[in-house]
C-alpha atoms as a PDB file:
ATOM      1  CA  UNK A   1     -31.703 -12.720  20.325  1.00  0.00           C
ATOM      2  CA  UNK A   2     -28.703 -10.405  20.913  1.00  0.00           C
ATOM      3  CA  UNK A   3     -27.315  -7.438  19.146  1.00  0.00           C
ATOM      4  CA  UNK A   4     -24.123  -9.744  18.122  1.00  0.00           C
ATOM      5  CA  UNK A   5     -26.390 -12.165  16.472  1.00  0.00           C
ATOM      6  CA  UNK A   6     -27.873  -9.314  14.334  1.00  0.00           C
ATOM      7  CA  UNK A   7     -24.898  -7.803  13.565  1.00  0.00           C
ATOM      8  CA  UNK A   8     -23.853 -11.118  12.209  1.00  0.00           C
ATOM      9  CA  UNK A   9     -26.805 -11.737   9.918  1.00  0.00           C
ATOM     10  CA  UNK A  10     -26.627  -8.448   8.475  1.00  0.00           C
ATOM     11  CA  UNK A  11     -22.660  -8.689   7.639  1.00  0.00           C
ATOM     12  CA  UNK A  12     -23.711 -12.132   6.351  1.00  0.00           C
ATOM     13  CA  UNK A  13     -25.999 -10.674   3.976  1.00  0.00           C
ATOM     14  CA  UNK A  14     -23.864  -8.155   2.817  1.00  0.00           C
ATOM     15  CA  UNK A  15     -21.022 -10.518   1.998  1.00  0.00           C
ATOM     16  CA  UNK A  16     -22.821 -13.583   1.051  1.00  0.00           C
ATOM     17  CA  UNK A  17     -19.933 -15.780   2.302  1.00  0.00           C
ATOM     18  CA  UNK A  18     -19.517 -16.994   5.846  1.00  0.00           C
ATOM     19  CA  UNK A  19     -15.492 -16.634   5.721  1.00  0.00           C
ATOM     20  CA  UNK A  20     -15.637 -12.851   4.696  1.00  0.00           C
ATOM     21  CA  UNK A  21     -18.418 -12.293   7.185  1.00  0.00           C
ATOM     22  CA  UNK A  22     -16.521 -13.877  10.118  1.00  0.00           C
ATOM     23  CA  UNK A  23     -13.232 -11.688   9.103  1.00  0.00           C
ATOM     24  CA  UNK A  24     -15.498  -8.526   9.256  1.00  0.00           C
ATOM     25  CA  UNK A  25     -16.956  -9.285  12.601  1.00  0.00           C
ATOM     26  CA  UNK A  26     -13.342 -10.496  13.829  1.00  0.00           C
ATOM     27  CA  UNK A  27     -14.746 -13.843  14.798  1.00  0.00           C
ATOM     28  CA  UNK A  28     -14.034 -17.275  14.072  1.00  0.00           C
ATOM     29  CA  UNK A  29     -16.213 -18.727  11.186  1.00  0.00           C
ATOM     30  CA  UNK A  30     -17.573 -21.306  13.474  1.00  0.00           C
ATOM     31  CA  UNK A  31     -18.715 -18.861  16.049  1.00  0.00           C
ATOM     32  CA  UNK A  32     -20.692 -16.895  13.450  1.00  0.00           C
ATOM     33  CA  UNK A  33     -22.107 -19.999  11.753  1.00  0.00           C
ATOM     34  CA  UNK A  34     -23.508 -21.536  15.005  1.00  0.00           C
ATOM     35  CA  UNK A  35     -24.608 -17.894  15.921  1.00  0.00           C
ATOM     36  CA  UNK A  36     -26.802 -17.845  12.560  1.00  0.00           C
ATOM     37  CA  UNK A  37     -28.088 -21.100  13.221  1.00  0.00           C
ATOM     38  CA  UNK A  38     -29.190 -20.596  16.634  1.00  0.00           C
ATOM     39  CA  UNK A  39     -30.975 -17.614  15.730  1.00  0.00           C
ATOM     40  CA  UNK A  40     -32.648 -19.265  12.766  1.00  0.00           C
ATOM     41  CA  UNK A  41     -33.716 -21.832  15.261  1.00  0.00           C
ATOM     42  CA  UNK A  42     -35.054 -19.446  17.953  1.00  0.00           C
ATOM     43  CA  UNK A  43     -37.102 -17.289  15.249  1.00  0.00           C
ATOM     44  CA  UNK A  44     -38.388 -20.851  13.638  1.00  0.00           C
ATOM     45  CA  UNK A  45     -37.250 -19.687  10.193  1.00  0.00           C
ATOM     46  CA  UNK A  46     -34.744 -19.803   7.643  1.00  0.00           C
ATOM     47  CA  UNK A  47     -33.043 -16.671   7.289  1.00  0.00           C
ATOM     48  CA  UNK A  48     -30.403 -17.887   4.775  1.00  0.00           C
ATOM     49  CA  UNK A  49     -30.307 -20.102   1.814  1.00  0.00           C
ATOM     50  CA  UNK A  50     -26.812 -22.087   1.478  1.00  0.00           C
ATOM     51  CA  UNK A  51     -25.400 -23.216  -1.394  1.00  0.00           C
ATOM     52  CA  UNK A  52     -21.687 -24.392  -2.368  1.00  0.00           C
ATOM     53  CA  UNK A  53     -20.685 -20.565  -3.767  1.00  0.00           C
ATOM     54  CA  UNK A  54     -22.800 -18.270  -1.507  1.00  0.00           C
ATOM     55  CA  UNK A  55     -24.981 -17.557   0.708  1.00  0.00           C
ATOM     56  CA  UNK A  56     -28.214 -15.234   0.514  1.00  0.00           C
ATOM     57  CA  UNK A  57     -31.190 -14.201   2.360  1.00  0.00           C
ATOM     58  CA  UNK A  58     -34.590 -15.861   1.950  1.00  0.00           C
ATOM     59  CA  UNK A  59     -37.570 -13.774   1.120  1.00  0.00           C
ATOM     60  CA  UNK A  60     -38.434 -13.557   4.882  1.00  0.00           C
ATOM     61  CA  UNK A  61     -34.727 -13.202   5.677  1.00  0.00           C
ATOM     62  CA  UNK A  62     -34.561 -10.134   3.914  1.00  0.00           C
ATOM     63  CA  UNK A  63     -37.049  -8.440   5.872  1.00  0.00           C
ATOM     64  CA  UNK A  64     -35.594  -9.669   8.939  1.00  0.00           C
ATOM     65  CA  UNK A  65     -31.930  -8.279   7.989  1.00  0.00           C
ATOM     66  CA  UNK A  66     -33.485  -5.117   7.055  1.00  0.00           C
ATOM     67  CA  UNK A  67     -35.191  -4.785  10.353  1.00  0.00           C
ATOM     68  CA  UNK A  68     -31.783  -6.026  12.078  1.00  0.00           C
ATOM     69  CA  UNK A  69     -30.001  -3.228  10.522  1.00  0.00           C
ATOM     70  CA  UNK A  70     -32.615  -0.677  11.698  1.00  0.00           C
ATOM     71  CA  UNK A  71     -32.238  -2.246  15.231  1.00  0.00           C
ATOM     72  CA  UNK A  72     -28.374  -2.026  15.062  1.00  0.00           C
ATOM     73  CA  UNK A  73     -28.627   1.963  13.890  1.00  0.00           C
ATOM     74  CA  UNK A  74     -31.056   2.492  16.657  1.00  0.00           C
ATOM     75  CA  UNK A  75     -28.462   0.766  19.147  1.00  0.00           C
ATOM     76  CA  UNK A  76     -25.623   2.883  17.607  1.00  0.00           C
ATOM     77  CA  UNK A  77     -27.661   5.815  18.288  1.00  0.00           C
ATOM     78  CA  UNK A  78     -27.823   5.171  21.960  1.00  0.00           C
ATOM     79  CA  UNK A  79     -24.290   4.879  22.206  1.00  0.00           C
ATOM     80  CA  UNK A  80     -24.110   8.081  20.636  1.00  0.00           C
ATOM     81  CA  UNK A  81     -26.442   9.840  22.735  1.00  0.00           C
ATOM     82  CA  UNK A  82     -24.005   8.381  25.729  1.00  0.00           C
ATOM     83  CA  UNK A  83     -20.983   9.203  24.329  1.00  0.00           C
ATOM     84  CA  UNK A  84     -22.162  12.926  23.826  1.00  0.00           C
ATOM     85  CA  UNK A  85     -22.154  13.273  27.652  1.00  0.00           C
ATOM     86  CA  UNK A  86     -18.328  12.288  27.719  1.00  0.00           C
ATOM     87  CA  UNK A  87     -15.283  14.279  26.395  1.00  0.00           C
ATOM     88  CA  UNK A  88     -16.050  14.163  22.423  1.00  0.00           C
ATOM     89  CA  UNK A  89     -12.145  14.467  21.737  1.00  0.00           C
ATOM     90  CA  UNK A  90     -11.357  11.064  23.863  1.00  0.00           C
ATOM     91  CA  UNK A  91     -13.314   8.646  22.332  1.00  0.00           C
ATOM     92  CA  UNK A  92     -12.236   6.504  19.408  1.00  0.00           C
ATOM     93  CA  UNK A  93     -13.259   8.172  15.830  1.00  0.00           C
ATOM     94  CA  UNK A  94     -13.807   6.191  13.043  1.00  0.00           C
ATOM     95  CA  UNK A  95     -12.949   7.667   9.413  1.00  0.00           C
ATOM     96  CA  UNK A  96     -13.547   6.123   6.030  1.00  0.00           C
ATOM     97  CA  UNK A  97     -12.187   7.496   2.759  1.00  0.00           C
ATOM     98  CA  UNK A  98     -12.483   5.987  -0.819  1.00  0.00           C
ATOM     99  CA  UNK A  99      -9.424   4.576  -2.462  1.00  0.00           C
ATOM    100  CA  UNK A 100      -8.449   7.438  -4.657  1.00  0.00           C
ATOM    101  CA  UNK A 101      -8.369   9.948  -1.570  1.00  0.00           C
ATOM    102  CA  UNK A 102      -7.330   7.897   1.364  1.00  0.00           C
ATOM    103  CA  UNK A 103      -3.862   7.144   0.777  1.00  0.00           C
ATOM    104  CA  UNK A 104      -3.132  10.757  -0.204  1.00  0.00           C
ATOM    105  CA  UNK A 105      -5.242  12.857   2.111  1.00  0.00           C
ATOM    106  CA  UNK A 106      -5.110  10.805   5.441  1.00  0.00           C
ATOM    107  CA  UNK A 107      -1.523  10.440   6.097  1.00  0.00           C
ATOM    108  CA  UNK A 108      -1.574  14.325   5.566  1.00  0.00           C
ATOM    109  CA  UNK A 109      -4.287  14.979   8.021  1.00  0.00           C
ATOM    110  CA  UNK A 110      -3.355  12.688  11.043  1.00  0.00           C
ATOM    111  CA  UNK A 111      -0.780  14.983  12.225  1.00  0.00           C
ATOM    112  CA  UNK A 112      -3.092  17.802  12.746  1.00  0.00           C
ATOM    113  CA  UNK A 113      -5.704  15.753  13.987  1.00  0.00           C
ATOM    114  CA  UNK A 114      -3.444  14.439  16.616  1.00  0.00           C
ATOM    115  CA  UNK A 115      -2.154  17.973  17.438  1.00  0.00           C
ATOM    116  CA  UNK A 116      -6.088  19.111  17.866  1.00  0.00           C
ATOM    117  CA  UNK A 117      -7.303  16.045  19.577  1.00  0.00           C
ATOM    118  CA  UNK A 118      -4.214  14.207  21.271  1.00  0.00           C
ATOM    119  CA  UNK A 119      -6.408  11.783  23.365  1.00  0.00           C
ATOM    120  CA  UNK A 120      -8.779  10.916  20.443  1.00  0.00           C
ATOM    121  CA  UNK A 121      -8.145   7.435  19.022  1.00  0.00           C
ATOM    122  CA  UNK A 122      -8.020   7.100  15.275  1.00  0.00           C
ATOM    123  CA  UNK A 123      -9.327   4.206  12.760  1.00  0.00           C
ATOM    124  CA  UNK A 124      -9.237   4.626   9.201  1.00  0.00           C
ATOM    125  CA  UNK A 125     -10.971   2.412   6.508  1.00  0.00           C
ATOM    126  CA  UNK A 126     -10.434   2.796   2.868  1.00  0.00           C
ATOM    127  CA  UNK A 127     -12.899   1.123   0.469  1.00  0.00           C
ATOM    128  CA  UNK A 128     -15.259   1.819  -2.284  1.00  0.00           C
ATOM    129  CA  UNK A 129     -18.412   4.453  -1.857  1.00  0.00           C
ATOM    130  CA  UNK A 130     -20.894   1.871  -1.979  1.00  0.00           C
ATOM    131  CA  UNK A 131     -19.273   0.185   1.035  1.00  0.00           C
ATOM    132  CA  UNK A 132     -18.651   3.524   2.843  1.00  0.00           C
ATOM    133  CA  UNK A 133     -22.492   4.418   2.581  1.00  0.00           C
ATOM    134  CA  UNK A 134     -23.399   0.911   4.239  1.00  0.00           C
ATOM    135  CA  UNK A 135     -20.985   1.340   6.669  1.00  0.00           C
ATOM    136  CA  UNK A 136     -21.714   5.064   7.688  1.00  0.00           C
ATOM    137  CA  UNK A 137     -25.517   4.166   8.017  1.00  0.00           C
ATOM    138  CA  UNK A 138     -24.820   1.261  10.070  1.00  0.00           C
ATOM    139  CA  UNK A 139     -22.678   3.118  12.677  1.00  0.00           C
ATOM    140  CA  UNK A 140     -19.520   1.108  11.761  1.00  0.00           C
ATOM    141  CA  UNK A 141     -17.924   4.425  10.799  1.00  0.00           C
ATOM    142  CA  UNK A 142     -18.467   7.803  12.116  1.00  0.00           C
ATOM    143  CA  UNK A 143     -17.281  10.241   9.174  1.00  0.00           C
ATOM    144  CA  UNK A 144     -16.401   9.240   5.673  1.00  0.00           C
ATOM    145  CA  UNK A 145     -14.483  11.422   2.871  1.00  0.00           C
ATOM    146  CA  UNK A 146     -16.051  10.816  -0.353  1.00  0.00           C
ATOM    147  CA  UNK A 147     -16.360  12.594  -3.627  1.00  0.00           C
ATOM    148  CA  UNK A 148     -19.724  14.350  -4.663  1.00  0.00           C
ATOM    149  CA  UNK A 149     -22.379  13.837  -5.432  1.00  0.00           C
ATOM    150  CA  UNK A 150     -23.007  11.585  -2.137  1.00  0.00           C
ATOM    151  CA  UNK A 151     -26.966  11.703  -1.136  1.00  0.00           C
ATOM    152  CA  UNK A 152     -27.979   9.476   1.721  1.00  0.00           C
ATOM    153  CA  UNK A 153     -30.979   9.531   3.993  1.00  0.00           C
ATOM    154  CA  UNK A 154     -29.957  10.834   7.563  1.00  0.00           C
ATOM    155  CA  UNK A 155     -26.560  11.607   6.695  1.00  0.00           C
ATOM    156  CA  UNK A 156     -25.156  15.259   6.268  1.00  0.00           C
ATOM    157  CA  UNK A 157     -22.537  15.880   3.506  1.00  0.00           C
ATOM    158  CA  UNK A 158     -20.439  19.124   3.547  1.00  0.00           C
ATOM    159  CA  UNK A 159     -18.385  20.400   0.537  1.00  0.00           C
ATOM    160  CA  UNK A 160     -14.514  20.910   1.463  1.00  0.00           C
ATOM    161  CA  UNK A 161     -12.747  21.564  -1.277  1.00  0.00           C
ATOM    162  CA  UNK A 162     -12.366  20.922  -5.589  1.00  0.00           C
ATOM    163  CA  UNK A 163      -9.363  19.225  -6.837  1.00  0.00           C
ATOM    164  CA  UNK A 164      -8.598  19.397 -10.435  1.00  0.00           C
ATOM    165  CA  UNK A 165      -7.605  16.448 -12.681  1.00  0.00           C
ATOM    166  CA  UNK A 166      -4.413  16.032 -14.426  1.00  0.00           C
ATOM    167  CA  UNK A 167      -2.692  13.904 -17.142  1.00  0.00           C
ATOM    168  CA  UNK A 168       0.369  11.781 -16.241  1.00  0.00           C
ATOM    169  CA  UNK A 169       2.341  10.165 -18.646  1.00  0.00           C
ATOM    170  CA  UNK A 170       6.037   8.655 -18.873  1.00  0.00           C
ATOM    171  CA  UNK A 171       8.694  11.266 -19.228  1.00  0.00           C
ATOM    172  CA  UNK A 172       9.753  10.518 -22.758  1.00  0.00           C
ATOM    173  CA  UNK A 173       6.158  10.209 -23.935  1.00  0.00           C
ATOM    174  CA  UNK A 174       5.326  12.695 -27.133  1.00  0.00           C
ATOM    175  CA  UNK A 175       2.721  14.552 -24.849  1.00  0.00           C
ATOM    176  CA  UNK A 176       5.287  15.531 -22.551  1.00  0.00           C
ATOM    177  CA  UNK A 177       6.390  18.156 -24.724  1.00  0.00           C
ATOM    178  CA  UNK A 178       3.248  19.815 -24.487  1.00  0.00           C
ATOM    179  CA  UNK A 179       2.573  22.696 -21.287  1.00  0.00           C
ATOM    180  CA  UNK A 180      -1.014  21.536 -21.089  1.00  0.00           C
ATOM    181  CA  UNK A 181      -3.186  18.904 -22.691  1.00  0.00           C
ATOM    182  CA  UNK A 182      -6.499  19.431 -24.777  1.00  0.00           C
ATOM    183  CA  UNK A 183      -8.914  16.649 -23.846  1.00  0.00           C
ATOM    184  CA  UNK A 184      -8.988  15.911 -27.576  1.00  0.00           C
ATOM    185  CA  UNK A 185      -5.313  15.085 -27.622  1.00  0.00           C
ATOM    186  CA  UNK A 186      -6.302  11.921 -25.589  1.00  0.00           C
ATOM    187  CA  UNK A 187      -8.443  10.447 -28.208  1.00  0.00           C
ATOM    188  CA  UNK A 188      -5.825   8.449 -29.842  1.00  0.00           C
ATOM    189  CA  UNK A 189      -3.826   7.510 -26.422  1.00  0.00           C
ATOM    190  CA  UNK A 190      -4.177   4.338 -24.527  1.00  0.00           C
ATOM    191  CA  UNK A 191      -5.765   5.904 -21.749  1.00  0.00           C
ATOM    192  CA  UNK A 192      -5.594   3.816 -18.403  1.00  0.00           C
ATOM    193  CA  UNK A 193      -8.309   3.790 -15.815  1.00  0.00           C
ATOM    194  CA  UNK A 194      -9.493   2.302 -12.931  1.00  0.00           C
ATOM    195  CA  UNK A 195     -11.925  -0.574 -13.160  1.00  0.00           C
ATOM    196  CA  UNK A 196     -15.351  -0.667 -12.839  1.00  0.00           C
ATOM    197  CA  UNK A 197     -16.879   0.090  -9.122  1.00  0.00           C
ATOM    198  CA  UNK A 198     -14.489   3.158  -8.667  1.00  0.00           C
ATOM    199  CA  UNK A 199     -16.359   6.309  -8.569  1.00  0.00           C
ATOM    200  CA  UNK A 200     -13.172   8.336  -9.705  1.00  0.00           C
ATOM    201  CA  UNK A 201     -13.471   6.400 -13.227  1.00  0.00           C
ATOM    202  CA  UNK A 202     -17.238   7.604 -13.743  1.00  0.00           C
ATOM    203  CA  UNK A 203     -15.961  11.314 -12.904  1.00  0.00           C
ATOM    204  CA  UNK A 204     -13.240  10.859 -15.401  1.00  0.00           C
ATOM    205  CA  UNK A 205     -15.746   9.668 -18.096  1.00  0.00           C
ATOM    206  CA  UNK A 206     -18.596  12.108 -17.266  1.00  0.00           C
ATOM    207  CA  UNK A 207     -15.975  14.864 -17.150  1.00  0.00           C
ATOM    208  CA  UNK A 208     -14.328  13.993 -20.714  1.00  0.00           C
ATOM    209  CA  UNK A 209     -17.055  12.809 -23.061  1.00  0.00           C
ATOM    210  CA  UNK A 210     -14.716  11.706 -25.583  1.00  0.00           C
ATOM    211  CA  UNK A 211     -13.148   9.060 -23.128  1.00  0.00           C
ATOM    212  CA  UNK A 212     -16.496   8.025 -22.554  1.00  0.00           C
ATOM    213  CA  UNK A 213     -17.260   7.291 -26.315  1.00  0.00           C
ATOM    214  CA  UNK A 214     -13.789   5.298 -26.516  1.00  0.00           C
ATOM    215  CA  UNK A 215     -14.798   3.254 -23.248  1.00  0.00           C
ATOM    216  CA  UNK A 216     -18.069   2.087 -24.818  1.00  0.00           C
ATOM    217  CA  UNK A 217     -16.389   1.102 -28.136  1.00  0.00           C
ATOM    218  CA  UNK A 218     -14.598  -2.290 -28.096  1.00  0.00           C
ATOM    219  CA  UNK A 219     -12.145  -1.035 -30.666  1.00  0.00           C
ATOM    220  CA  UNK A 220     -11.403   1.832 -28.518  1.00  0.00           C
ATOM    221  CA  UNK A 221      -8.197   2.652 -26.696  1.00  0.00           C
ATOM    222  CA  UNK A 222      -9.460   2.952 -23.102  1.00  0.00           C
ATOM    223  CA  UNK A 223      -7.813   0.223 -20.862  1.00  0.00           C
ATOM    224  CA  UNK A 224      -9.152  -0.875 -17.686  1.00  0.00           C
ATOM    225  CA  UNK A 225      -7.147  -1.807 -14.682  1.00  0.00           C
ATOM    226  CA  UNK A 226      -7.938  -5.036 -12.958  1.00  0.00           C
ATOM    227  CA  UNK A 227     -10.238  -5.092 -10.237  1.00  0.00           C
ATOM    228  CA  UNK A 228      -8.741  -4.211  -7.112  1.00  0.00           C
ATOM    229  CA  UNK A 229      -6.118  -2.084  -8.619  1.00  0.00           C
ATOM    230  CA  UNK A 230      -5.278   1.617  -7.328  1.00  0.00           C
ATOM    231  CA  UNK A 231      -3.951   4.804  -9.009  1.00  0.00           C
ATOM    232  CA  UNK A 232      -0.618   3.688  -7.742  1.00  0.00           C
ATOM    233  CA  UNK A 233      -0.859   0.504 -10.134  1.00  0.00           C
ATOM    234  CA  UNK A 234      -1.841   2.999 -13.008  1.00  0.00           C
ATOM    235  CA  UNK A 235       1.008   5.152 -12.351  1.00  0.00           C
ATOM    236  CA  UNK A 236       3.541   2.085 -12.418  1.00  0.00           C
ATOM    237  CA  UNK A 237       1.747   1.046 -15.820  1.00  0.00           C
ATOM    238  CA  UNK A 238       2.395   4.414 -17.012  1.00  0.00           C
ATOM    239  CA  UNK A 239       5.939   4.745 -15.979  1.00  0.00           C
ATOM    240  CA  UNK A 240       6.601   1.482 -17.949  1.00  0.00           C
ATOM    241  CA  UNK A 241       5.363   2.883 -21.100  1.00  0.00           C
ATOM    242  CA  UNK A 242       2.004   1.143 -21.328  1.00  0.00           C
ATOM    243  CA  UNK A 243      -0.244   4.631 -22.052  1.00  0.00           C
ATOM    244  CA  UNK A 244      -1.202   7.640 -20.185  1.00  0.00           C
ATOM    245  CA  UNK A 245      -3.658   8.159 -17.169  1.00  0.00           C
ATOM    246  CA  UNK A 246      -5.649  10.779 -15.427  1.00  0.00           C
ATOM    247  CA  UNK A 247      -5.237  11.454 -11.920  1.00  0.00           C
ATOM    248  CA  UNK A 248      -6.754  13.660  -9.247  1.00  0.00           C
ATOM    249  CA  UNK A 249      -3.918  16.327  -8.566  1.00  0.00           C
ATOM    250  CA  UNK A 250      -3.359  15.040  -5.127  1.00  0.00           C
ATOM    251  CA  UNK A 251      -2.362  11.453  -6.365  1.00  0.00           C
ATOM    252  CA  UNK A 252       0.692  12.608  -8.363  1.00  0.00           C
ATOM    253  CA  UNK A 253       2.770  12.166  -5.619  1.00  0.00           C
ATOM    254  CA  UNK A 254       6.358  12.871  -5.096  1.00  0.00           C
ATOM    255  CA  UNK A 255       8.727  13.537  -8.078  1.00  0.00           C
ATOM    256  CA  UNK A 256       9.365  10.515 -10.177  1.00  0.00           C
ATOM    257  CA  UNK A 257      12.117  10.842 -13.102  1.00  0.00           C
ATOM    258  CA  UNK A 258      10.334   8.182 -15.204  1.00  0.00           C
ATOM    259  CA  UNK A 259       6.860  10.232 -14.993  1.00  0.00           C
ATOM    260  CA  UNK A 260       5.600  13.669 -15.936  1.00  0.00           C
ATOM    261  CA  UNK A 261       2.103  15.221 -15.111  1.00  0.00           C
ATOM    262  CA  UNK A 262       0.791  17.899 -17.253  1.00  0.00           C
ATOM    263  CA  UNK A 263      -2.488  20.064 -16.495  1.00  0.00           C
ATOM    264  CA  UNK A 264      -5.768  20.289 -18.729  1.00  0.00           C
ATOM    265  CA  UNK A 265      -5.881  23.327 -20.915  1.00  0.00           C
ATOM    266  CA  UNK A 266      -8.190  26.091 -19.558  1.00  0.00           C
ATOM    267  CA  UNK A 267     -10.750  24.984 -17.108  1.00  0.00           C
ATOM    268  CA  UNK A 268      -9.630  21.671 -16.170  1.00  0.00           C
ATOM    269  CA  UNK A 269     -12.110  18.556 -15.032  1.00  0.00           C
ATOM    270  CA  UNK A 270     -12.457  18.311 -11.181  1.00  0.00           C
ATOM    271  CA  UNK A 271     -14.170  16.522  -8.261  1.00  0.00           C
ATOM    272  CA  UNK A 272     -15.532  17.833  -5.051  1.00  0.00           C
ATOM    273  CA  UNK A 273     -14.368  16.318  -1.849  1.00  0.00           C
ATOM    274  CA  UNK A 274     -16.784  16.136   0.943  1.00  0.00           C
ATOM    275  CA  UNK A 275     -16.829  15.038   4.440  1.00  0.00           C
ATOM    276  CA  UNK A 276     -20.064  12.978   5.597  1.00  0.00           C
ATOM    277  CA  UNK A 277     -21.638  12.242   8.989  1.00  0.00           C
ATOM    278  CA  UNK A 278     -24.688  10.756  10.325  1.00  0.00           C
ATOM    279  CA  UNK A 279     -27.088  13.551  11.375  1.00  0.00           C
ATOM    280  CA  UNK A 280     -27.411  11.755  14.483  1.00  0.00           C
ATOM    281  CA  UNK A 281     -23.930  11.757  15.450  1.00  0.00           C
ATOM    282  CA  UNK A 282     -23.304  13.871  18.521  1.00  0.00           C
ATOM    283  CA  UNK A 283     -19.883  14.324  18.571  1.00  0.00           C
ATOM    284  CA  UNK A 284     -19.771  17.767  16.743  1.00  0.00           C
ATOM    285  CA  UNK A 285     -16.371  18.636  17.828  1.00  0.00           C
ATOM    286  CA  UNK A 286     -14.502  15.527  16.618  1.00  0.00           C
ATOM    287  CA  UNK A 287     -16.285  16.300  13.176  1.00  0.00           C
ATOM    288  CA  UNK A 288     -15.099  19.871  13.571  1.00  0.00           C
ATOM    289  CA  UNK A 289     -11.712  18.632  14.116  1.00  0.00           C
ATOM    290  CA  UNK A 290     -11.338  16.174  11.114  1.00  0.00           C
ATOM    291  CA  UNK A 291     -12.885  19.434   8.827  1.00  0.00           C
ATOM    292  CA  UNK A 292     -10.324  21.793  10.034  1.00  0.00           C
ATOM    293  CA  UNK A 293      -7.550  19.079   9.226  1.00  0.00           C
ATOM    294  CA  UNK A 294      -8.661  18.620   5.815  1.00  0.00           C
ATOM    295  CA  UNK A 295      -8.794  22.168   5.306  1.00  0.00           C
ATOM    296  CA  UNK A 296      -5.712  22.797   6.482  1.00  0.00           C
ATOM    297  CA  UNK A 297      -4.075  20.141   4.703  1.00  0.00           C
ATOM    298  CA  UNK A 298      -5.508  21.082   1.223  1.00  0.00           C
ATOM    299  CA  UNK A 299      -4.606  24.774   1.860  1.00  0.00           C
ATOM    300  CA  UNK A 300      -1.048  23.552   2.742  1.00  0.00           C
ATOM    301  CA  UNK A 301      -0.864  21.485  -0.284  1.00  0.00           C
ATOM    302  CA  UNK A 302      -2.683  23.872  -2.824  1.00  0.00           C
ATOM    303  CA  UNK A 303       0.183  26.554  -1.691  1.00  0.00           C
ATOM    304  CA  UNK A 304       3.099  24.027  -1.897  1.00  0.00           C
END
């Protein structure tokens, strides 16, 4: 058995689909299928059950996949130890970020990272918190940018800054006449939120209990965007007059004459943005560069 085969079965267990697992492993589907079958034959046991719609581990396969994941983590730790003896700012750094942070923060921090570490290749991935959690543990990512709370064994999490939420609406919306928005002003509004699985949706509903009540009421005015949608999708819908939405301040973007943004009255709801990395990751200088770039970007954006 090889580390490559172990990586294949761990990825297949996560994706439950040969095609998607092959795409993630950057190999052809037949290559992955043959490797999995070969490993099953070597172990003389079925690791996966296969149906027309999906693939999933057998009971013994679950145990094998869990052990394979631990082996891969240890293999990555060996690589980290080796890379620690080299220039920490010359090896590639793989950064992940949640969908509601990445598009707005990453473009701003890349120039600063390039300036501080010009020889360090940078790879960026944007996805859900749950996926980032798996990839940081498996060594597929070196650092991730997430919203708190975020707790994961053997992963260090450091709070960087707090970001307020704002309300965005069409420029001709009645609420645009107000200088700030009371949370209860949204009770009778058609509020557009991201779909299930987005942590930002959960944060909004947690911070604004009146919206949580609407979301649980089938007759309420909360509208959930389709799965896979983004904050940019919500902004386009708002500009078209479908309702109002709540955004992190960094997502309000460039001036758009069709949109108006208003702060909340008083102390606004907010989220805490943090940087997380494996406790065993030895390239502390690379982490320092990313942290400093993020803090510089936040300070510059706050003063703009």
